[in-house]
Amino acid sequence: MNETRLHIEGMSCGHCVGRVRSTLQRIPGVEIVSLELGSAVVRYPEGETTPEAIARALTTDGYAATPQPA
């Protein structure tokens, strides 16, 4: 499993955290390591998804997300 940190803009409350959690849980193979206002750390299986694809899913749901360098 690979791990990445995501910077997530637009999260301002607990409801936002819940929406981001829901989005991440819908991505096959993604496991949430930590999630708080403005950031998340996730694990994902190599070959099934990428940090960029995970960020795109969040951006599509209204939260501008960018993978952060390790």
PDB file of N, CA and C in Angstrom:
ATOM      1  N   MET A   1       0.841  -1.183   0.000  1.00  0.00           N
ATOM      2  CA  MET A   1       0.000   0.000   0.000  1.00  0.00           C
ATOM      3  C   MET A   1       0.887   1.247   0.000  1.00  0.00           C
ATOM      4  N   ASN A   2       0.512   2.202  -0.802  1.00  0.00           N
ATOM      5  CA  ASN A   2       1.171   3.507  -0.827  1.00  0.00           C
ATOM      6  C   ASN A   2       0.386   4.458   0.056  1.00  0.00           C
ATOM      7  N   GLU A   3       1.024   5.539   0.459  1.00  0.00           N
ATOM      8  CA  GLU A   3       0.377   6.524   1.314  1.00  0.00           C
ATOM      9  C   GLU A   3       0.641   7.912   0.752  1.00  0.00           C
ATOM     10  N   THR A   4      -0.370   8.772   0.823  1.00  0.00           N
ATOM     11  CA  THR A   4      -0.203  10.151   0.373  1.00  0.00           C
ATOM     12  C   THR A   4      -0.969  11.090   1.288  1.00  0.00           C
ATOM     13  N   ARG A   5      -0.473  12.326   1.375  1.00  0.00           N
ATOM     14  CA  ARG A   5      -1.164  13.396   2.104  1.00  0.00           C
ATOM     15  C   ARG A   5      -1.804  14.301   1.063  1.00  0.00           C
ATOM     16  N   LEU A   6      -3.013  14.731   1.348  1.00  0.00           N
ATOM     17  CA  LEU A   6      -3.738  15.635   0.464  1.00  0.00           C
ATOM     18  C   LEU A   6      -4.028  16.941   1.184  1.00  0.00           C
ATOM     19  N   HIS A   7      -3.771  18.053   0.519  1.00  0.00           N
ATOM     20  CA  HIS A   7      -4.199  19.365   1.013  1.00  0.00           C
ATOM     21  C   HIS A   7      -5.583  19.583   0.410  1.00  0.00           C
ATOM     22  N   ILE A   8      -6.573  19.899   1.260  1.00  0.00           N
ATOM     23  CA  ILE A   8      -7.956  20.021   0.800  1.00  0.00           C
ATOM     24  C   ILE A   8      -8.489  21.394   1.173  1.00  0.00           C
ATOM     25  N   GLU A   9      -8.834  22.174   0.173  1.00  0.00           N
ATOM     26  CA  GLU A   9      -9.386  23.517   0.396  1.00  0.00           C
ATOM     27  C   GLU A   9     -10.909  23.455   0.438  1.00  0.00           C
ATOM     28  N   GLY A  10     -11.501  24.362   1.191  1.00  0.00           N
ATOM     29  CA  GLY A  10     -12.952  24.479   1.228  1.00  0.00           C
ATOM     30  C   GLY A  10     -13.615  23.738   2.374  1.00  0.00           C
ATOM     31  N   MET A  11     -12.832  23.044   3.188  1.00  0.00           N
ATOM     32  CA  MET A  11     -13.400  22.358   4.348  1.00  0.00           C
ATOM     33  C   MET A  11     -13.463  23.352   5.504  1.00  0.00           C
ATOM     34  N   SER A  12     -14.673  23.561   6.050  1.00  0.00           N
ATOM     35  CA  SER A  12     -14.797  24.553   7.111  1.00  0.00           C
ATOM     36  C   SER A  12     -15.573  24.065   8.330  1.00  0.00           C
ATOM     37  N   CYS A  13     -16.081  22.820   8.288  1.00  0.00           N
ATOM     38  CA  CYS A  13     -16.892  22.343   9.404  1.00  0.00           C
ATOM     39  C   CYS A  13     -16.927  20.820   9.426  1.00  0.00           C
ATOM     40  N   GLY A  14     -17.579  20.291  10.435  1.00  0.00           N
ATOM     41  CA  GLY A  14     -17.710  18.845  10.557  1.00  0.00           C
ATOM     42  C   GLY A  14     -18.468  18.220   9.401  1.00  0.00           C
ATOM     43  N   HIS A  15     -19.447  18.940   8.863  1.00  0.00           N
ATOM     44  CA  HIS A  15     -20.195  18.428   7.707  1.00  0.00           C
ATOM     45  C   HIS A  15     -19.254  18.223   6.522  1.00  0.00           C
ATOM     46  N   CYS A  16     -18.349  19.153   6.324  1.00  0.00           N
ATOM     47  CA  CYS A  16     -17.368  19.032   5.227  1.00  0.00           C
ATOM     48  C   CYS A  16     -16.491  17.802   5.426  1.00  0.00           C
ATOM     49  N   VAL A  17     -16.057  17.578   6.650  1.00  0.00           N
ATOM     50  CA  VAL A  17     -15.239  16.405   6.944  1.00  0.00           C
ATOM     51  C   VAL A  17     -16.024  15.140   6.598  1.00  0.00           C
ATOM     52  N   GLY A  18     -17.303  15.116   6.929  1.00  0.00           N
ATOM     53  CA  GLY A  18     -18.150  13.970   6.608  1.00  0.00           C
ATOM     54  C   GLY A  18     -18.289  13.749   5.114  1.00  0.00           C
ATOM     55  N   ARG A  19     -18.447  14.814   4.358  1.00  0.00           N
ATOM     56  CA  ARG A  19     -18.561  14.684   2.899  1.00  0.00           C
ATOM     57  C   ARG A  19     -17.266  14.174   2.290  1.00  0.00           C
ATOM     58  N   VAL A  20     -16.134  14.704   2.767  1.00  0.00           N
ATOM     59  CA  VAL A  20     -14.836  14.251   2.256  1.00  0.00           C
ATOM     60  C   VAL A  20     -14.641  12.778   2.616  1.00  0.00           C
ATOM     61  N   ARG A  21     -14.986  12.395   3.851  1.00  0.00           N
ATOM     62  CA  ARG A  21     -14.873  10.996   4.264  1.00  0.00           C
ATOM     63  C   ARG A  21     -15.707  10.098   3.342  1.00  0.00           C
ATOM     64  N   SER A  22     -16.913  10.506   3.061  1.00  0.00           N
ATOM     65  CA  SER A  22     -17.798   9.732   2.187  1.00  0.00           C
ATOM     66  C   SER A  22     -17.201   9.573   0.791  1.00  0.00           C
ATOM     67  N   THR A  23     -16.657  10.652   0.255  1.00  0.00           N
ATOM     68  CA  THR A  23     -16.030  10.595  -1.072  1.00  0.00           C
ATOM     69  C   THR A  23     -14.856   9.631  -1.073  1.00  0.00           C
ATOM     70  N   LEU A  24     -13.987   9.744  -0.072  1.00  0.00           N
ATOM     71  CA  LEU A  24     -12.816   8.874  -0.008  1.00  0.00           C
ATOM     72  C   LEU A  24     -13.213   7.408   0.145  1.00  0.00           C
ATOM     73  N   GLN A  25     -14.259   7.136   0.909  1.00  0.00           N
ATOM     74  CA  GLN A  25     -14.691   5.757   1.123  1.00  0.00           C
ATOM     75  C   GLN A  25     -15.283   5.127  -0.145  1.00  0.00           C
ATOM     76  N   ARG A  26     -15.726   5.942  -1.071  1.00  0.00           N
ATOM     77  CA  ARG A  26     -16.278   5.415  -2.327  1.00  0.00           C
ATOM     78  C   ARG A  26     -15.193   5.034  -3.336  1.00  0.00           C
ATOM     79  N   ILE A  27     -13.944   5.415  -3.092  1.00  0.00           N
ATOM     80  CA  ILE A  27     -12.868   5.111  -4.024  1.00  0.00           C
ATOM     81  C   ILE A  27     -12.330   3.722  -3.676  1.00  0.00           C
ATOM     82  N   PRO A  28     -12.435   2.763  -4.605  1.00  0.00           N
ATOM     83  CA  PRO A  28     -12.011   1.394  -4.304  1.00  0.00           C
ATOM     84  C   PRO A  28     -10.564   1.317  -3.815  1.00  0.00           C
ATOM     85  N   GLY A  29     -10.388   0.621  -2.701  1.00  0.00           N
ATOM     86  CA  GLY A  29      -9.060   0.369  -2.168  1.00  0.00           C
ATOM     87  C   GLY A  29      -8.497   1.455  -1.275  1.00  0.00           C
ATOM     88  N   VAL A  30      -9.126   2.624  -1.220  1.00  0.00           N
ATOM     89  CA  VAL A  30      -8.594   3.733  -0.426  1.00  0.00           C
ATOM     90  C   VAL A  30      -8.957   3.547   1.041  1.00  0.00           C
ATOM     91  N   GLU A  31      -7.954   3.699   1.910  1.00  0.00           N
ATOM     92  CA  GLU A  31      -8.142   3.653   3.360  1.00  0.00           C
ATOM     93  C   GLU A  31      -7.763   5.004   3.945  1.00  0.00           C
ATOM     94  N   ILE A  32      -8.590   5.531   4.804  1.00  0.00           N
ATOM     95  CA  ILE A  32      -8.313   6.811   5.451  1.00  0.00           C
ATOM     96  C   ILE A  32      -7.426   6.567   6.666  1.00  0.00           C
ATOM     97  N   VAL A  33      -6.264   7.196   6.686  1.00  0.00           N
ATOM     98  CA  VAL A  33      -5.363   7.123   7.838  1.00  0.00           C
ATOM     99  C   VAL A  33      -5.722   8.226   8.815  1.00  0.00           C
ATOM    100  N   SER A  34      -5.885   9.447   8.309  1.00  0.00           N
ATOM    101  CA  SER A  34      -6.320  10.570   9.138  1.00  0.00           C
ATOM    102  C   SER A  34      -7.070  11.559   8.259  1.00  0.00           C
ATOM    103  N   LEU A  35      -7.980  12.278   8.891  1.00  0.00           N
ATOM    104  CA  LEU A  35      -8.788  13.261   8.168  1.00  0.00           C
ATOM    105  C   LEU A  35      -9.140  14.372   9.144  1.00  0.00           C
ATOM    106  N   GLU A  36      -8.794  15.602   8.760  1.00  0.00           N
ATOM    107  CA  GLU A  36      -9.114  16.770   9.578  1.00  0.00           C
ATOM    108  C   GLU A  36      -9.363  17.934   8.639  1.00  0.00           C
ATOM    109  N   LEU A  37      -9.825  19.038   9.195  1.00  0.00           N
ATOM    110  CA  LEU A  37     -10.071  20.207   8.356  1.00  0.00           C
ATOM    111  C   LEU A  37      -8.814  20.558   7.570  1.00  0.00           C
ATOM    112  N   GLY A  38      -8.922  20.555   6.257  1.00  0.00           N
ATOM    113  CA  GLY A  38      -7.830  20.991   5.398  1.00  0.00           C
ATOM    114  C   GLY A  38      -6.866  19.930   4.917  1.00  0.00           C
ATOM    115  N   SER A  39      -6.942  18.705   5.474  1.00  0.00           N
ATOM    116  CA  SER A  39      -5.997  17.691   5.004  1.00  0.00           C
ATOM    117  C   SER A  39      -6.482  16.282   5.300  1.00  0.00           C
ATOM    118  N   ALA A  40      -5.900  15.358   4.563  1.00  0.00           N
ATOM    119  CA  ALA A  40      -6.165  13.941   4.777  1.00  0.00           C
ATOM    120  C   ALA A  40      -4.905  13.167   4.433  1.00  0.00           C
ATOM    121  N   VAL A  41      -4.742  12.049   5.100  1.00  0.00           N
ATOM    122  CA  VAL A  41      -3.702  11.082   4.747  1.00  0.00           C
ATOM    123  C   VAL A  41      -4.436   9.796   4.412  1.00  0.00           C
ATOM    124  N   VAL A  42      -4.155   9.249   3.238  1.00  0.00           N
ATOM    125  CA  VAL A  42      -4.824   8.028   2.801  1.00  0.00           C
ATOM    126  C   VAL A  42      -3.806   7.007   2.314  1.00  0.00           C
ATOM    127  N   ARG A  43      -4.199   5.733   2.399  1.00  0.00           N
ATOM    128  CA  ARG A  43      -3.433   4.643   1.807  1.00  0.00           C
ATOM    129  C   ARG A  43      -4.231   4.132   0.617  1.00  0.00           C
ATOM    130  N   TYR A  44      -3.498   3.684  -0.397  1.00  0.00           N
ATOM    131  CA  TYR A  44      -4.158   3.171  -1.593  1.00  0.00           C
ATOM    132  C   TYR A  44      -3.278   2.106  -2.232  1.00  0.00           C
ATOM    133  N   PRO A  45      -3.897   1.102  -2.858  1.00  0.00           N
ATOM    134  CA  PRO A  45      -3.114   0.052  -3.492  1.00  0.00           C
ATOM    135  C   PRO A  45      -2.516   0.545  -4.813  1.00  0.00           C
ATOM    136  N   GLU A  46      -1.234   0.300  -4.974  1.00  0.00           N
ATOM    137  CA  GLU A  46      -0.557   0.681  -6.212  1.00  0.00           C
ATOM    138  C   GLU A  46      -1.226  -0.030  -7.390  1.00  0.00           C
ATOM    139  N   GLY A  47      -1.445   0.719  -8.456  1.00  0.00           N
ATOM    140  CA  GLY A  47      -2.052   0.154  -9.652  1.00  0.00           C
ATOM    141  C   GLY A  47      -3.563   0.280  -9.698  1.00  0.00           C
ATOM    142  N   GLU A  48      -4.216   0.559  -8.551  1.00  0.00           N
ATOM    143  CA  GLU A  48      -5.673   0.706  -8.547  1.00  0.00           C
ATOM    144  C   GLU A  48      -6.105   2.156  -8.649  1.00  0.00           C
ATOM    145  N   THR A  49      -5.308   3.052  -8.080  1.00  0.00           N
ATOM    146  CA  THR A  49      -5.599   4.482  -8.157  1.00  0.00           C
ATOM    147  C   THR A  49      -4.296   5.243  -7.950  1.00  0.00           C
ATOM    148  N   THR A  50      -4.377   6.555  -8.048  1.00  0.00           N
ATOM    149  CA  THR A  50      -3.207   7.417  -7.873  1.00  0.00           C
ATOM    150  C   THR A  50      -3.590   8.592  -6.976  1.00  0.00           C
ATOM    151  N   PRO A  51      -2.606   9.271  -6.399  1.00  0.00           N
ATOM    152  CA  PRO A  51      -2.933  10.466  -5.616  1.00  0.00           C
ATOM    153  C   PRO A  51      -3.698  11.496  -6.446  1.00  0.00           C
ATOM    154  N   GLU A  52      -3.340  11.616  -7.710  1.00  0.00           N
ATOM    155  CA  GLU A  52      -4.021  12.583  -8.586  1.00  0.00           C
ATOM    156  C   GLU A  52      -5.487  12.204  -8.792  1.00  0.00           C
ATOM    157  N   ALA A  53      -5.774  10.920  -8.946  1.00  0.00           N
ATOM    158  CA  ALA A  53      -7.159  10.476  -9.124  1.00  0.00           C
ATOM    159  C   ALA A  53      -7.974  10.697  -7.850  1.00  0.00           C
ATOM    160  N   ILE A  54      -7.355  10.465  -6.708  1.00  0.00           N
ATOM    161  CA  ILE A  54      -8.037  10.703  -5.432  1.00  0.00           C
ATOM    162  C   ILE A  54      -8.343  12.189  -5.286  1.00  0.00           C
ATOM    163  N   ALA A  55      -7.377  13.037  -5.602  1.00  0.00           N
ATOM    164  CA  ALA A  55      -7.583  14.485  -5.536  1.00  0.00           C
ATOM    165  C   ALA A  55      -8.685  14.927  -6.501  1.00  0.00           C
ATOM    166  N   ARG A  56      -8.719  14.351  -7.696  1.00  0.00           N
ATOM    167  CA  ARG A  56      -9.777  14.694  -8.674  1.00  0.00           C
ATOM    168  C   ARG A  56     -11.157  14.352  -8.136  1.00  0.00           C
ATOM    169  N   ALA A  57     -11.285  13.210  -7.467  1.00  0.00           N
ATOM    170  CA  ALA A  57     -12.586  12.815  -6.910  1.00  0.00           C
ATOM    171  C   ALA A  57     -13.059  13.833  -5.884  1.00  0.00           C
ATOM    172  N   LEU A  58     -12.141  14.305  -5.046  1.00  0.00           N
ATOM    173  CA  LEU A  58     -12.508  15.314  -4.052  1.00  0.00           C
ATOM    174  C   LEU A  58     -12.851  16.645  -4.715  1.00  0.00           C
ATOM    175  N   THR A  59     -12.075  17.020  -5.722  1.00  0.00           N
ATOM    176  CA  THR A  59     -12.330  18.277  -6.433  1.00  0.00           C
ATOM    177  C   THR A  59     -13.684  18.225  -7.123  1.00  0.00           C
ATOM    178  N   THR A  60     -14.026  17.081  -7.697  1.00  0.00           N
ATOM    179  CA  THR A  60     -15.335  16.910  -8.343  1.00  0.00           C
ATOM    180  C   THR A  60     -16.460  17.096  -7.328  1.00  0.00           C
ATOM    181  N   ASP A  61     -16.222  16.706  -6.087  1.00  0.00           N
ATOM    182  CA  ASP A  61     -17.233  16.863  -5.032  1.00  0.00           C
ATOM    183  C   ASP A  61     -17.226  18.247  -4.395  1.00  0.00           C
ATOM    184  N   GLY A  62     -16.389  19.157  -4.909  1.00  0.00           N
ATOM    185  CA  GLY A  62     -16.434  20.541  -4.453  1.00  0.00           C
ATOM    186  C   GLY A  62     -15.327  20.974  -3.514  1.00  0.00           C
ATOM    187  N   TYR A  63     -14.346  20.103  -3.281  1.00  0.00           N
ATOM    188  CA  TYR A  63     -13.234  20.444  -2.392  1.00  0.00           C
ATOM    189  C   TYR A  63     -11.936  20.368  -3.181  1.00  0.00           C
ATOM    190  N   ALA A  64     -11.346  21.501  -3.486  1.00  0.00           N
ATOM    191  CA  ALA A  64     -10.115  21.532  -4.266  1.00  0.00           C
ATOM    192  C   ALA A  64      -9.018  20.801  -3.494  1.00  0.00           C
ATOM    193  N   ALA A  65      -8.533  19.719  -4.052  1.00  0.00           N
ATOM    194  CA  ALA A  65      -7.542  18.883  -3.363  1.00  0.00           C
ATOM    195  C   ALA A  65      -6.289  18.757  -4.227  1.00  0.00           C
ATOM    196  N   THR A  66      -5.145  18.755  -3.547  1.00  0.00           N
ATOM    197  CA  THR A  66      -3.870  18.532  -4.234  1.00  0.00           C
ATOM    198  C   THR A  66      -3.022  17.587  -3.403  1.00  0.00           C
ATOM    199  N   PRO A  67      -2.395  16.596  -4.065  1.00  0.00           N
ATOM    200  CA  PRO A  67      -1.474  15.726  -3.349  1.00  0.00           C
ATOM    201  C   PRO A  67      -0.244  16.515  -2.919  1.00  0.00           C
ATOM    202  N   GLN A  68       0.276  16.189  -1.746  1.00  0.00           N
ATOM    203  CA  GLN A  68       1.466  16.854  -1.222  1.00  0.00           C
ATOM    204  C   GLN A  68       2.663  15.939  -1.360  1.00  0.00           C
ATOM    205  N   PRO A  69       3.826  16.499  -1.648  1.00  0.00           N
ATOM    206  CA  PRO A  69       5.024  15.660  -1.745  1.00  0.00           C
ATOM    207  C   PRO A  69       5.346  15.006  -0.398  1.00  0.00           C
ATOM    208  N   ALA A  70       5.914  13.832  -0.465  1.00  0.00           N
ATOM    209  CA  ALA A  70       6.251  13.090   0.765  1.00  0.00           C
ATOM    210  C   ALA A  70       7.361  13.762   1.533  1.00  0.00           C
TER     211      ALA A  70
END
